[in-house]
């Protein structure tokens, strides 16, 4: 897995995941919507720490700065 996420992309994903978690623990979201959003938040956290987004691969997208 070649890293394809830049720093800004990673930070935004982590912030969104924290907001979703905060909304859940404040009981502002619940039910099926909460479950779907929590799964999405988990995916955001995992991809942020790996610096790799599998959905970017087929489209050739990279938010990482070019080396060189």
PDB file of N, CA and C in Angstrom:
ATOM      1  N   UNK A   1       0.845  -1.181   0.000  1.00  0.00           N
ATOM      2  CA  UNK A   1       0.000   0.000   0.000  1.00  0.00           C
ATOM      3  C   UNK A   1       0.885   1.236   0.000  1.00  0.00           C
ATOM      4  N   UNK A   2       0.790   1.976  -1.068  1.00  0.00           N
ATOM      5  CA  UNK A   2       1.533   3.223  -1.181  1.00  0.00           C
ATOM      6  C   UNK A   2       0.669   4.356  -0.628  1.00  0.00           C
ATOM      7  N   UNK A   3       1.234   5.157   0.242  1.00  0.00           N
ATOM      8  CA  UNK A   3       0.487   6.257   0.866  1.00  0.00           C
ATOM      9  C   UNK A   3      -0.065   7.190  -0.210  1.00  0.00           C
ATOM     10  N   UNK A   4      -1.342   7.535  -0.097  1.00  0.00           N
ATOM     11  CA  UNK A   4      -1.957   8.446  -1.063  1.00  0.00           C
ATOM     12  C   UNK A   4      -2.778   9.550  -0.392  1.00  0.00           C
ATOM     13  N   UNK A   5      -2.554   9.739   0.910  1.00  0.00           N
ATOM     14  CA  UNK A   5      -3.281  10.778   1.637  1.00  0.00           C
ATOM     15  C   UNK A   5      -2.307  11.803   2.208  1.00  0.00           C
ATOM     16  N   UNK A   6      -2.633  13.064   1.987  1.00  0.00           N
ATOM     17  CA  UNK A   6      -1.829  14.139   2.537  1.00  0.00           C
ATOM     18  C   UNK A   6      -2.223  14.455   3.973  1.00  0.00           C
ATOM     19  N   UNK A   7      -1.464  15.331   4.585  1.00  0.00           N
ATOM     20  CA  UNK A   7      -1.683  15.689   5.982  1.00  0.00           C
ATOM     21  C   UNK A   7      -3.051  16.331   6.192  1.00  0.00           C
ATOM     22  N   UNK A   8      -3.420  17.257   5.331  1.00  0.00           N
ATOM     23  CA  UNK A   8      -4.711  17.939   5.483  1.00  0.00           C
ATOM     24  C   UNK A   8      -5.861  16.942   5.376  1.00  0.00           C
ATOM     25  N   UNK A   9      -5.772  16.019   4.450  1.00  0.00           N
ATOM     26  CA  UNK A   9      -6.797  14.991   4.270  1.00  0.00           C
ATOM     27  C   UNK A   9      -6.929  14.136   5.529  1.00  0.00           C
ATOM     28  N   UNK A  10      -5.803  13.754   6.097  1.00  0.00           N
ATOM     29  CA  UNK A  10      -5.807  12.934   7.307  1.00  0.00           C
ATOM     30  C   UNK A  10      -6.414  13.691   8.480  1.00  0.00           C
ATOM     31  N   UNK A  11      -6.044  14.957   8.641  1.00  0.00           N
ATOM     32  CA  UNK A  11      -6.543  15.767   9.756  1.00  0.00           C
ATOM     33  C   UNK A  11      -8.059  15.963   9.647  1.00  0.00           C
ATOM     34  N   UNK A  12      -8.548  16.252   8.444  1.00  0.00           N
ATOM     35  CA  UNK A  12      -9.986  16.451   8.248  1.00  0.00           C
ATOM     36  C   UNK A  12     -10.743  15.170   8.594  1.00  0.00           C
ATOM     37  N   UNK A  13     -10.240  14.018   8.169  1.00  0.00           N
ATOM     38  CA  UNK A  13     -10.903  12.745   8.469  1.00  0.00           C
ATOM     39  C   UNK A  13     -10.947  12.473   9.975  1.00  0.00           C
ATOM     40  N   UNK A  14      -9.863  12.772  10.668  1.00  0.00           N
ATOM     41  CA  UNK A  14      -9.830  12.554  12.115  1.00  0.00           C
ATOM     42  C   UNK A  14     -10.816  13.490  12.819  1.00  0.00           C
ATOM     43  N   UNK A  15     -10.862  14.755  12.389  1.00  0.00           N
ATOM     44  CA  UNK A  15     -11.789  15.711  12.990  1.00  0.00           C
ATOM     45  C   UNK A  15     -13.234  15.272  12.768  1.00  0.00           C
ATOM     46  N   UNK A  16     -13.562  14.845  11.553  1.00  0.00           N
ATOM     47  CA  UNK A  16     -14.926  14.377  11.255  1.00  0.00           C
ATOM     48  C   UNK A  16     -15.264  13.168  12.126  1.00  0.00           C
ATOM     49  N   UNK A  17     -14.316  12.240  12.273  1.00  0.00           N
ATOM     50  CA  UNK A  17     -14.550  11.053  13.107  1.00  0.00           C
ATOM     51  C   UNK A  17     -14.780  11.444  14.564  1.00  0.00           C
ATOM     52  N   UNK A  18     -14.024  12.407  15.068  1.00  0.00           N
ATOM     53  CA  UNK A  18     -14.210  12.864  16.444  1.00  0.00           C
ATOM     54  C   UNK A  18     -15.563  13.547  16.634  1.00  0.00           C
ATOM     55  N   UNK A  19     -15.988  14.297  15.637  1.00  0.00           N
ATOM     56  CA  UNK A  19     -17.304  14.945  15.714  1.00  0.00           C
ATOM     57  C   UNK A  19     -18.407  13.896  15.748  1.00  0.00           C
ATOM     58  N   UNK A  20     -18.300  12.887  14.894  1.00  0.00           N
ATOM     59  CA  UNK A  20     -19.297  11.815  14.885  1.00  0.00           C
ATOM     60  C   UNK A  20     -19.333  11.112  16.238  1.00  0.00           C
ATOM     61  N   UNK A  21     -18.156  10.806  16.781  1.00  0.00           N
ATOM     62  CA  UNK A  21     -18.088  10.171  18.097  1.00  0.00           C
ATOM     63  C   UNK A  21     -18.703  11.043  19.173  1.00  0.00           C
ATOM     64  N   UNK A  22     -18.432  12.338  19.116  1.00  0.00           N
ATOM     65  CA  UNK A  22     -18.999  13.271  20.086  1.00  0.00           C
ATOM     66  C   UNK A  22     -20.516  13.342  20.000  1.00  0.00           C
ATOM     67  N   UNK A  23     -21.030  13.358  18.786  1.00  0.00           N
ATOM     68  CA  UNK A  23     -22.479  13.379  18.603  1.00  0.00           C
ATOM     69  C   UNK A  23     -23.120  12.108  19.149  1.00  0.00           C
ATOM     70  N   UNK A  24     -22.461  10.985  18.959  1.00  0.00           N
ATOM     71  CA  UNK A  24     -23.004   9.727  19.458  1.00  0.00           C
ATOM     72  C   UNK A  24     -23.021   9.704  20.988  1.00  0.00           C
ATOM     73  N   UNK A  25     -21.905  10.067  21.605  1.00  0.00           N
ATOM     74  CA  UNK A  25     -21.820  10.012  23.068  1.00  0.00           C
ATOM     75  C   UNK A  25     -22.649  11.097  23.749  1.00  0.00           C
ATOM     76  N   UNK A  26     -23.012  12.154  23.004  1.00  0.00           N
ATOM     77  CA  UNK A  26     -23.904  13.183  23.537  1.00  0.00           C
ATOM     78  C   UNK A  26     -25.371  12.831  23.253  1.00  0.00           C
ATOM     79  N   UNK A  27     -25.601  11.636  22.719  1.00  0.00           N
ATOM     80  CA  UNK A  27     -26.943  11.141  22.381  1.00  0.00           C
ATOM     81  C   UNK A  27     -27.680  12.042  21.396  1.00  0.00           C
ATOM     82  N   UNK A  28     -26.937  12.654  20.492  1.00  0.00           N
ATOM     83  CA  UNK A  28     -27.564  13.489  19.472  1.00  0.00           C
ATOM     84  C   UNK A  28     -27.880  12.683  18.215  1.00  0.00           C
ATOM     85  N   UNK A  29     -27.224  11.543  18.061  1.00  0.00           N
ATOM     86  CA  UNK A  29     -27.551  10.623  16.972  1.00  0.00           C
ATOM     87  C   UNK A  29     -27.758   9.251  17.595  1.00  0.00           C
ATOM     88  N   UNK A  30     -28.654   8.483  17.000  1.00  0.00           N
ATOM     89  CA  UNK A  30     -28.922   7.153  17.538  1.00  0.00           C
ATOM     90  C   UNK A  30     -29.494   6.266  16.440  1.00  0.00           C
ATOM     91  N   UNK A  31     -29.676   5.012  16.766  1.00  0.00           N
ATOM     92  CA  UNK A  31     -30.273   4.066  15.837  1.00  0.00           C
ATOM     93  C   UNK A  31     -29.363   3.694  14.684  1.00  0.00           C
ATOM     94  N   UNK A  32     -29.990   3.409  13.562  1.00  0.00           N
ATOM     95  CA  UNK A  32     -29.263   2.964  12.373  1.00  0.00           C
ATOM     96  C   UNK A  32     -28.310   4.036  11.864  1.00  0.00           C
ATOM     97  N   UNK A  33     -28.735   5.275  11.908  1.00  0.00           N
ATOM     98  CA  UNK A  33     -27.880   6.377  11.453  1.00  0.00           C
ATOM     99  C   UNK A  33     -26.598   6.417  12.277  1.00  0.00           C
ATOM    100  N   UNK A  34     -26.719   6.245  13.580  1.00  0.00           N
ATOM    101  CA  UNK A  34     -25.557   6.273  14.456  1.00  0.00           C
ATOM    102  C   UNK A  34     -24.601   5.129  14.127  1.00  0.00           C
ATOM    103  N   UNK A  35     -25.148   3.951  13.888  1.00  0.00           N
ATOM    104  CA  UNK A  35     -24.305   2.803  13.571  1.00  0.00           C
ATOM    105  C   UNK A  35     -23.543   3.038  12.271  1.00  0.00           C
ATOM    106  N   UNK A  36     -24.241   3.514  11.264  1.00  0.00           N
ATOM    107  CA  UNK A  36     -23.595   3.780   9.969  1.00  0.00           C
ATOM    108  C   UNK A  36     -22.509   4.846  10.109  1.00  0.00           C
ATOM    109  N   UNK A  37     -22.808   5.914  10.835  1.00  0.00           N
ATOM    110  CA  UNK A  37     -21.822   6.984  11.020  1.00  0.00           C
ATOM    111  C   UNK A  37     -20.633   6.527  11.855  1.00  0.00           C
ATOM    112  N   UNK A  38     -20.864   5.682  12.861  1.00  0.00           N
ATOM    113  CA  UNK A  38     -19.756   5.173  13.672  1.00  0.00           C
ATOM    114  C   UNK A  38     -18.849   4.257  12.857  1.00  0.00           C
ATOM    115  N   UNK A  39     -19.421   3.456  11.979  1.00  0.00           N
ATOM    116  CA  UNK A  39     -18.607   2.620  11.090  1.00  0.00           C
ATOM    117  C   UNK A  39     -17.782   3.512  10.168  1.00  0.00           C
ATOM    118  N   UNK A  40     -18.404   4.542   9.617  1.00  0.00           N
ATOM    119  CA  UNK A  40     -17.695   5.488   8.759  1.00  0.00           C
ATOM    120  C   UNK A  40     -16.571   6.184   9.521  1.00  0.00           C
ATOM    121  N   UNK A  41     -16.838   6.562  10.766  1.00  0.00           N
ATOM    122  CA  UNK A  41     -15.813   7.200  11.591  1.00  0.00           C
ATOM    123  C   UNK A  41     -14.641   6.250  11.831  1.00  0.00           C
ATOM    124  N   UNK A  42     -14.941   4.976  12.074  1.00  0.00           N
ATOM    125  CA  UNK A  42     -13.883   3.984  12.260  1.00  0.00           C
ATOM    126  C   UNK A  42     -13.036   3.829  11.007  1.00  0.00           C
ATOM    127  N   UNK A  43     -13.678   3.839   9.860  1.00  0.00           N
ATOM    128  CA  UNK A  43     -12.942   3.747   8.589  1.00  0.00           C
ATOM    129  C   UNK A  43     -12.074   4.985   8.401  1.00  0.00           C
ATOM    130  N   UNK A  44     -12.612   6.150   8.722  1.00  0.00           N
ATOM    131  CA  UNK A  44     -11.834   7.383   8.617  1.00  0.00           C
ATOM    132  C   UNK A  44     -10.590   7.333   9.498  1.00  0.00           C
ATOM    133  N   UNK A  45     -10.745   6.873  10.735  1.00  0.00           N
ATOM    134  CA  UNK A  45      -9.597   6.787  11.648  1.00  0.00           C
ATOM    135  C   UNK A  45      -8.560   5.801  11.110  1.00  0.00           C
ATOM    136  N   UNK A  46      -9.022   4.629  10.677  1.00  0.00           N
ATOM    137  CA  UNK A  46      -8.097   3.604  10.174  1.00  0.00           C
ATOM    138  C   UNK A  46      -7.339   4.092   8.942  1.00  0.00           C
ATOM    139  N   UNK A  47      -8.043   4.681   7.990  1.00  0.00           N
ATOM    140  CA  UNK A  47      -7.360   5.142   6.779  1.00  0.00           C
ATOM    141  C   UNK A  47      -6.433   6.316   7.082  1.00  0.00           C
ATOM    142  N   UNK A  48      -6.782   7.122   8.063  1.00  0.00           N
ATOM    143  CA  UNK A  48      -5.910   8.247   8.426  1.00  0.00           C
ATOM    144  C   UNK A  48      -4.590   7.759   8.999  1.00  0.00           C
ATOM    145  N   UNK A  49      -4.637   6.747   9.846  1.00  0.00           N
ATOM    146  CA  UNK A  49      -3.402   6.241  10.435  1.00  0.00           C
ATOM    147  C   UNK A  49      -2.554   5.459   9.437  1.00  0.00           C
ATOM    148  N   UNK A  50      -3.187   4.866   8.427  1.00  0.00           N
ATOM    149  CA  UNK A  50      -2.444   4.136   7.392  1.00  0.00           C
ATOM    150  C   UNK A  50      -1.985   5.057   6.269  1.00  0.00           C
ATOM    151  N   UNK A  51      -2.527   6.273   6.200  1.00  0.00           N
ATOM    152  CA  UNK A  51      -2.253   7.230   5.115  1.00  0.00           C
ATOM    153  C   UNK A  51      -2.600   6.645   3.755  1.00  0.00           C
ATOM    154  N   UNK A  52      -3.582   5.765   3.723  1.00  0.00           N
ATOM    155  CA  UNK A  52      -3.966   5.108   2.480  1.00  0.00           C
ATOM    156  C   UNK A  52      -5.479   4.996   2.405  1.00  0.00           C
ATOM    157  N   UNK A  53      -6.043   5.488   1.310  1.00  0.00           N
ATOM    158  CA  UNK A  53      -7.481   5.382   1.085  1.00  0.00           C
ATOM    159  C   UNK A  53      -7.708   4.475  -0.124  1.00  0.00           C
ATOM    160  N   UNK A  54      -8.311   3.303   0.087  1.00  0.00           N
ATOM    161  CA  UNK A  54      -8.526   2.376  -1.023  1.00  0.00           C
ATOM    162  C   UNK A  54      -9.437   2.950  -2.123  1.00  0.00           C
ATOM    163  N   UNK A  55     -10.340   3.861  -1.773  1.00  0.00           N
ATOM    164  CA  UNK A  55     -11.218   4.447  -2.779  1.00  0.00           C
ATOM    165  C   UNK A  55     -10.486   5.401  -3.720  1.00  0.00           C
ATOM    166  N   UNK A  56      -9.347   5.930  -3.297  1.00  0.00           N
ATOM    167  CA  UNK A  56      -8.567   6.810  -4.161  1.00  0.00           C
ATOM    168  C   UNK A  56      -7.851   6.021  -5.254  1.00  0.00           C
ATOM    169  N   UNK A  57      -7.524   4.770  -4.986  1.00  0.00           N
ATOM    170  CA  UNK A  57      -6.715   3.950  -5.880  1.00  0.00           C
ATOM    171  C   UNK A  57      -7.301   3.802  -7.285  1.00  0.00           C
ATOM    172  N   UNK A  58      -8.553   3.366  -7.455  1.00  0.00           N
ATOM    173  CA  UNK A  58      -9.063   3.178  -8.820  1.00  0.00           C
ATOM    174  C   UNK A  58      -9.167   4.470  -9.628  1.00  0.00           C
ATOM    175  N   UNK A  59      -9.277   5.595  -8.934  1.00  0.00           N
ATOM    176  CA  UNK A  59      -9.409   6.874  -9.623  1.00  0.00           C
ATOM    177  C   UNK A  59      -8.077   7.600  -9.792  1.00  0.00           C
ATOM    178  N   UNK A  60      -7.008   7.041  -9.235  1.00  0.00           N
ATOM    179  CA  UNK A  60      -5.688   7.652  -9.353  1.00  0.00           C
ATOM    180  C   UNK A  60      -5.550   8.936  -8.565  1.00  0.00           C
ATOM    181  N   UNK A  61      -6.335   9.081  -7.518  1.00  0.00           N
ATOM    182  CA  UNK A  61      -6.297  10.295  -6.704  1.00  0.00           C
ATOM    183  C   UNK A  61      -5.222  10.168  -5.632  1.00  0.00           C
ATOM    184  N   UNK A  62      -4.511  11.255  -5.403  1.00  0.00           N
ATOM    185  CA  UNK A  62      -3.544  11.323  -4.318  1.00  0.00           C
ATOM    186  C   UNK A  62      -3.535  12.738  -3.775  1.00  0.00           C
ATOM    187  N   UNK A  63      -3.721  12.895  -2.475  1.00  0.00           N
ATOM    188  CA  UNK A  63      -3.652  14.226  -1.870  1.00  0.00           C
ATOM    189  C   UNK A  63      -2.298  14.451  -1.215  1.00  0.00           C
ATOM    190  N   UNK A  64      -1.421  13.502  -1.376  1.00  0.00           N
ATOM    191  CA  UNK A  64      -0.071  13.596  -0.805  1.00  0.00           C
ATOM    192  C   UNK A  64       0.814  14.437  -1.705  1.00  0.00           C
ATOM    193  N   UNK A  65       1.664  15.249  -1.094  1.00  0.00           N
ATOM    194  CA  UNK A  65       2.578  16.078  -1.873  1.00  0.00           C
ATOM    195  C   UNK A  65       3.579  15.200  -2.606  1.00  0.00           C
ATOM    196  N   UNK A  66       3.944  15.631  -3.791  1.00  0.00           N
ATOM    197  CA  UNK A  66       4.918  14.898  -4.578  1.00  0.00           C
ATOM    198  C   UNK A  66       6.307  15.063  -3.970  1.00  0.00           C
ATOM    199  N   UNK A  67       7.043  13.963  -3.910  1.00  0.00           N
ATOM    200  CA  UNK A  67       8.429  14.005  -3.415  1.00  0.00           C
ATOM    201  C   UNK A  67       9.344  14.451  -4.551  1.00  0.00           C
ATOM    202  N   UNK A  68      10.245  15.340  -4.237  1.00  0.00           N
ATOM    203  CA  UNK A  68      11.206  15.700  -5.272  1.00  0.00           C
ATOM    204  C   UNK A  68      11.313  17.104  -5.461  1.00  0.00           C
TER     205      UNK A  68
END
